[in-house]
Every structure is written in structure tokens, then in C-alpha cells.
C-alpha atoms as a PDB file:
ATOM      1  CA  UNK A   1     -44.927  19.437  27.445  1.00  0.00           C
ATOM      2  CA  UNK A   2     -43.214  21.805  25.073  1.00  0.00           C
ATOM      3  CA  UNK A   3     -40.229  20.713  22.979  1.00  0.00           C
ATOM      4  CA  UNK A   4     -37.651  22.197  25.375  1.00  0.00           C
ATOM      5  CA  UNK A   5     -39.222  20.336  28.309  1.00  0.00           C
ATOM      6  CA  UNK A   6     -39.306  17.112  26.274  1.00  0.00           C
ATOM      7  CA  UNK A   7     -35.619  17.462  25.370  1.00  0.00           C
ATOM      8  CA  UNK A   8     -34.649  18.047  29.006  1.00  0.00           C
ATOM      9  CA  UNK A   9     -36.704  15.035  30.092  1.00  0.00           C
ATOM     10  CA  UNK A  10     -35.119  12.880  27.361  1.00  0.00           C
ATOM     11  CA  UNK A  11     -31.628  13.914  28.530  1.00  0.00           C
ATOM     12  CA  UNK A  12     -32.370  12.947  32.126  1.00  0.00           C
ATOM     13  CA  UNK A  13     -34.091   9.711  31.087  1.00  0.00           C
ATOM     14  CA  UNK A  14     -31.048   8.755  29.009  1.00  0.00           C
ATOM     15  CA  UNK A  15     -28.839   9.532  32.007  1.00  0.00           C
ATOM     16  CA  UNK A  16     -31.052   7.256  34.121  1.00  0.00           C
ATOM     17  CA  UNK A  17     -30.858   4.555  31.476  1.00  0.00           C
ATOM     18  CA  UNK A  18     -27.051   4.762  31.451  1.00  0.00           C
ATOM     19  CA  UNK A  19     -26.874   4.606  35.271  1.00  0.00           C
ATOM     20  CA  UNK A  20     -29.230   1.634  35.412  1.00  0.00           C
ATOM     21  CA  UNK A  21     -27.229  -0.208  32.726  1.00  0.00           C
ATOM     22  CA  UNK A  22     -24.071   0.438  34.736  1.00  0.00           C
ATOM     23  CA  UNK A  23     -25.928  -1.122  37.664  1.00  0.00           C
ATOM     24  CA  UNK A  24     -26.523  -4.268  35.583  1.00  0.00           C
ATOM     25  CA  UNK A  25     -22.803  -4.568  34.876  1.00  0.00           C
ATOM     26  CA  UNK A  26     -21.798  -3.799  38.462  1.00  0.00           C
ATOM     27  CA  UNK A  27     -24.230  -6.261  40.038  1.00  0.00           C
ATOM     28  CA  UNK A  28     -23.235  -8.968  37.564  1.00  0.00           C
ATOM     29  CA  UNK A  29     -19.571  -8.402  38.392  1.00  0.00           C
ATOM     30  CA  UNK A  30     -20.229  -8.321  42.124  1.00  0.00           C
ATOM     31  CA  UNK A  31     -22.192 -11.579  41.941  1.00  0.00           C
ATOM     32  CA  UNK A  32     -19.211 -13.273  40.304  1.00  0.00           C
ATOM     33  CA  UNK A  33     -16.802 -12.007  42.955  1.00  0.00           C
ATOM     34  CA  UNK A  34     -18.577 -13.197  46.115  1.00  0.00           C
ATOM     35  CA  UNK A  35     -16.904 -16.016  47.986  1.00  0.00           C
ATOM     36  CA  UNK A  36     -17.398 -17.576  51.398  1.00  0.00           C
ATOM     37  CA  UNK A  37     -20.062 -19.234  53.487  1.00  0.00           C
ATOM     38  CA  UNK A  38     -22.834 -16.781  52.646  1.00  0.00           C
ATOM     39  CA  UNK A  39     -22.170 -16.797  48.907  1.00  0.00           C
ATOM     40  CA  UNK A  40     -25.454 -18.291  47.702  1.00  0.00           C
ATOM     41  CA  UNK A  41     -27.937 -15.838  49.260  1.00  0.00           C
ATOM     42  CA  UNK A  42     -25.718 -12.827  48.526  1.00  0.00           C
ATOM     43  CA  UNK A  43     -25.191 -13.842  44.884  1.00  0.00           C
ATOM     44  CA  UNK A  44     -28.936 -14.362  44.530  1.00  0.00           C
ATOM     45  CA  UNK A  45     -29.599 -10.876  45.943  1.00  0.00           C
ATOM     46  CA  UNK A  46     -26.999  -9.292  43.640  1.00  0.00           C
ATOM     47  CA  UNK A  47     -28.380 -11.057  40.548  1.00  0.00           C
ATOM     48  CA  UNK A  48     -31.879  -9.910  41.480  1.00  0.00           C
ATOM     49  CA  UNK A  49     -30.637  -6.320  41.697  1.00  0.00           C
ATOM     50  CA  UNK A  50     -28.993  -6.648  38.290  1.00  0.00           C
ATOM     51  CA  UNK A  51     -32.248  -7.929  36.787  1.00  0.00           C
ATOM     52  CA  UNK A  52     -34.127  -5.039  38.397  1.00  0.00           C
ATOM     53  CA  UNK A  53     -31.620  -2.514  37.025  1.00  0.00           C
ATOM     54  CA  UNK A  54     -32.145  -3.913  33.535  1.00  0.00           C
ATOM     55  CA  UNK A  55     -35.923  -3.546  33.880  1.00  0.00           C
ATOM     56  CA  UNK A  56     -35.445   0.023  35.106  1.00  0.00           C
ATOM     57  CA  UNK A  57     -33.185   0.839  32.147  1.00  0.00           C
ATOM     58  CA  UNK A  58     -35.766  -0.577  29.757  1.00  0.00           C
ATOM     59  CA  UNK A  59     -38.550   1.452  31.357  1.00  0.00           C
ATOM     60  CA  UNK A  60     -36.513   4.669  31.072  1.00  0.00           C
ATOM     61  CA  UNK A  61     -35.815   3.849  27.413  1.00  0.00           C
ATOM     62  CA  UNK A  62     -39.519   3.344  26.755  1.00  0.00           C
ATOM     63  CA  UNK A  63     -40.201   6.846  28.060  1.00  0.00           C
ATOM     64  CA  UNK A  64     -37.395   8.230  25.867  1.00  0.00           C
ATOM     65  CA  UNK A  65     -39.053   6.768  22.768  1.00  0.00           C
ATOM     66  CA  UNK A  66     -42.509   7.842  23.957  1.00  0.00           C
ATOM     67  CA  UNK A  67     -41.203  11.418  23.932  1.00  0.00           C
ATOM     68  CA  UNK A  68     -39.744  10.972  20.452  1.00  0.00           C
ATOM     69  CA  UNK A  69     -36.150  10.631  21.602  1.00  0.00           C
ATOM     70  CA  UNK A  70     -33.392   8.167  20.840  1.00  0.00           C
ATOM     71  CA  UNK A  71     -32.335   5.864  23.715  1.00  0.00           C
ATOM     72  CA  UNK A  72     -28.688   6.155  24.661  1.00  0.00           C
ATOM     73  CA  UNK A  73     -26.230   3.401  23.820  1.00  0.00           C
ATOM     74  CA  UNK A  74     -23.871   4.649  26.515  1.00  0.00           C
ATOM     75  CA  UNK A  75     -23.358   3.143  29.909  1.00  0.00           C
ATOM     76  CA  UNK A  76     -22.728   4.947  33.163  1.00  0.00           C
ATOM     77  CA  UNK A  77     -19.285   5.137  34.740  1.00  0.00           C
ATOM     78  CA  UNK A  78     -17.725   1.852  35.776  1.00  0.00           C
ATOM     79  CA  UNK A  79     -14.740   1.751  38.068  1.00  0.00           C
ATOM     80  CA  UNK A  80     -12.980  -1.453  39.036  1.00  0.00           C
ATOM     81  CA  UNK A  81     -11.834  -0.904  42.600  1.00  0.00           C
ATOM     82  CA  UNK A  82     -10.528  -4.467  43.025  1.00  0.00           C
ATOM     83  CA  UNK A  83     -12.252  -4.468  46.426  1.00  0.00           C
ATOM     84  CA  UNK A  84     -14.502  -7.490  46.685  1.00  0.00           C
ATOM     85  CA  UNK A  85     -15.216  -7.783  50.379  1.00  0.00           C
ATOM     86  CA  UNK A  86     -18.994  -7.855  50.905  1.00  0.00           C
ATOM     87  CA  UNK A  87     -18.781  -4.563  52.822  1.00  0.00           C
ATOM     88  CA  UNK A  88     -16.887  -2.941  49.935  1.00  0.00           C
ATOM     89  CA  UNK A  89     -19.424  -4.258  47.432  1.00  0.00           C
ATOM     90  CA  UNK A  90     -22.308  -2.921  49.517  1.00  0.00           C
ATOM     91  CA  UNK A  91     -20.671   0.496  49.939  1.00  0.00           C
ATOM     92  CA  UNK A  92     -20.123   0.717  46.164  1.00  0.00           C
ATOM     93  CA  UNK A  93     -23.728  -0.355  45.635  1.00  0.00           C
ATOM     94  CA  UNK A  94     -24.881   2.315  48.102  1.00  0.00           C
ATOM     95  CA  UNK A  95     -22.956   4.945  46.154  1.00  0.00           C
ATOM     96  CA  UNK A  96     -24.337   3.743  42.798  1.00  0.00           C
ATOM     97  CA  UNK A  97     -27.900   3.659  44.089  1.00  0.00           C
ATOM     98  CA  UNK A  98     -27.526   7.150  45.615  1.00  0.00           C
ATOM     99  CA  UNK A  99     -26.365   8.535  42.262  1.00  0.00           C
ATOM    100  CA  UNK A 100     -29.262   6.876  40.473  1.00  0.00           C
ATOM    101  CA  UNK A 101     -31.730   8.172  43.067  1.00  0.00           C
ATOM    102  CA  UNK A 102     -30.449  11.705  42.481  1.00  0.00           C
ATOM    103  CA  UNK A 103     -31.125  11.286  38.740  1.00  0.00           C
ATOM    104  CA  UNK A 104     -34.724  10.256  39.434  1.00  0.00           C
ATOM    105  CA  UNK A 105     -35.141  13.351  41.628  1.00  0.00           C
ATOM    106  CA  UNK A 106     -33.689  15.402  38.766  1.00  0.00           C
ATOM    107  CA  UNK A 107     -36.293  13.901  36.438  1.00  0.00           C
ATOM    108  CA  UNK A 108     -39.073  14.695  38.892  1.00  0.00           C
ATOM    109  CA  UNK A 109     -37.936  18.322  39.088  1.00  0.00           C
ATOM    110  CA  UNK A 110     -37.930  18.558  35.265  1.00  0.00           C
ATOM    111  CA  UNK A 111     -41.398  17.066  34.709  1.00  0.00           C
ATOM    112  CA  UNK A 112     -43.346  18.106  37.801  1.00  0.00           C
ATOM    113  CA  UNK A 113     -46.550  19.815  36.727  1.00  0.00           C
ATOM    114  CA  UNK A 114     -45.774  19.134  33.046  1.00  0.00           C
ATOM    115  CA  UNK A 115     -46.434  15.408  32.588  1.00  0.00           C
ATOM    116  CA  UNK A 116     -48.504  13.249  34.914  1.00  0.00           C
ATOM    117  CA  UNK A 117     -47.118   9.996  33.482  1.00  0.00           C
ATOM    118  CA  UNK A 118     -43.479  11.048  33.845  1.00  0.00           C
ATOM    119  CA  UNK A 119     -44.115  12.558  37.252  1.00  0.00           C
ATOM    120  CA  UNK A 120     -45.743   9.354  38.500  1.00  0.00           C
ATOM    121  CA  UNK A 121     -42.955   7.276  36.971  1.00  0.00           C
ATOM    122  CA  UNK A 122     -40.299   9.410  38.696  1.00  0.00           C
ATOM    123  CA  UNK A 123     -42.103   9.157  42.038  1.00  0.00           C
ATOM    124  CA  UNK A 124     -42.496   5.374  41.716  1.00  0.00           C
ATOM    125  CA  UNK A 125     -38.809   4.957  40.917  1.00  0.00           C
ATOM    126  CA  UNK A 126     -37.779   7.276  43.761  1.00  0.00           C
ATOM    127  CA  UNK A 127     -39.788   5.114  46.149  1.00  0.00           C
ATOM    128  CA  UNK A 128     -38.156   1.916  44.843  1.00  0.00           C
ATOM    129  CA  UNK A 129     -34.655   3.400  44.962  1.00  0.00           C
ATOM    130  CA  UNK A 130     -35.145   4.778  48.480  1.00  0.00           C
ATOM    131  CA  UNK A 131     -36.379   1.382  49.695  1.00  0.00           C
ATOM    132  CA  UNK A 132     -33.402  -0.285  48.039  1.00  0.00           C
ATOM    133  CA  UNK A 133     -30.999   2.202  49.629  1.00  0.00           C
ATOM    134  CA  UNK A 134     -32.579   1.474  53.006  1.00  0.00           C
ATOM    135  CA  UNK A 135     -32.044  -2.245  52.431  1.00  0.00           C
ATOM    136  CA  UNK A 136     -28.361  -1.719  51.613  1.00  0.00           C
ATOM    137  CA  UNK A 137     -28.035   0.651  54.561  1.00  0.00           C
ATOM    138  CA  UNK A 138     -29.375  -2.019  56.925  1.00  0.00           C
ATOM    139  CA  UNK A 139     -27.027  -4.613  55.433  1.00  0.00           C
ATOM    140  CA  UNK A 140     -24.082  -2.308  56.185  1.00  0.00           C
ATOM    141  CA  UNK A 141     -24.961  -2.058  59.872  1.00  0.00           C
ATOM    142  CA  UNK A 142     -23.565  -4.380  62.482  1.00  0.00           C
ATOM    143  CA  UNK A 143     -26.151  -6.744  64.015  1.00  0.00           C
ATOM    144  CA  UNK A 144     -28.151  -4.871  66.648  1.00  0.00           C
ATOM    145  CA  UNK A 145     -26.977  -1.465  65.430  1.00  0.00           C
ATOM    146  CA  UNK A 146     -29.859   0.993  65.050  1.00  0.00           C
ATOM    147  CA  UNK A 147     -27.990   4.043  63.710  1.00  0.00           C
ATOM    148  CA  UNK A 148     -28.118   4.238  59.897  1.00  0.00           C
ATOM    149  CA  UNK A 149     -24.945   3.761  57.886  1.00  0.00           C
ATOM    150  CA  UNK A 150     -23.557   6.949  56.396  1.00  0.00           C
ATOM    151  CA  UNK A 151     -20.507   7.645  54.317  1.00  0.00           C
END
């Protein structure tokens, strides 16, 4: 990779890191705001997603330093909607995950054919994010509903 390609990759990786760190904060907040009969399994799922987001942020940061860059100390956008119904939380999660998925696709476009390690990393993360989005999508459907959720 030439220096220009490295800089572009570092910018996108830092963006990914910021989005994933925002995911940590969001999922932690969501887990604290769940009430009702199904609280325990939902809180467990949200905490697990927060832990996964932190691992993803760390992995992106490792690639930033591998390329000679400086990992961002910023965090992605956080908006308190004051909507804490499980459906609202899942829709916000769907939006967050969609934004993060787009950033991984952006990374793939930047590194494709230039870095096997970054290309494979981007593809792996795209797969994980798409599977996660599918999981959220299925949670947003009514029982027995086959048609995917869409905003």
C-alpha cells in the first residue's frame, strides 16, 4: 500500500473504531434501561453486543497502529432519544449496526486489491455485521412473520 492508501485506510479504520465505541456506550445504556418480564435474557444479549463492539473497536485500532497511524480518541454520535421500549431499542440498534456495516464496506472498497490482511478483515467484519443485522431484523418481526423488517 502506498502512503495515500494507508492514510485513507487509517481514516476509515478510525471511523469504524469510533462507531464501535459508540456501540459500546449505546448497548450499555440500553441494557440499563430494559424493564419487564423478559429483562434478563435481553440485558444479557445487549451486554454481549457491547462486549463485541469493544472487541471490534480494539481490532480496528490494532490495524490503525499496524499502518503507523494514531487511534482516534473520539466516539461516534450518541443521541438520547428517551425511547426505551424494546422495539425502539432494537430499531436504534438496527440503525447503528447499518451505519457500522456501511463503514466496513467503505474500508473494503479502500483496501481491495491493496492489502490482503485488511481486505480479509473487512470481509470478516462485514459477515459478522450482516449476521448481527439479520438477528436484529428477526427480533423486530412479529412471531410467525416471514417478511424482513425494513425502515
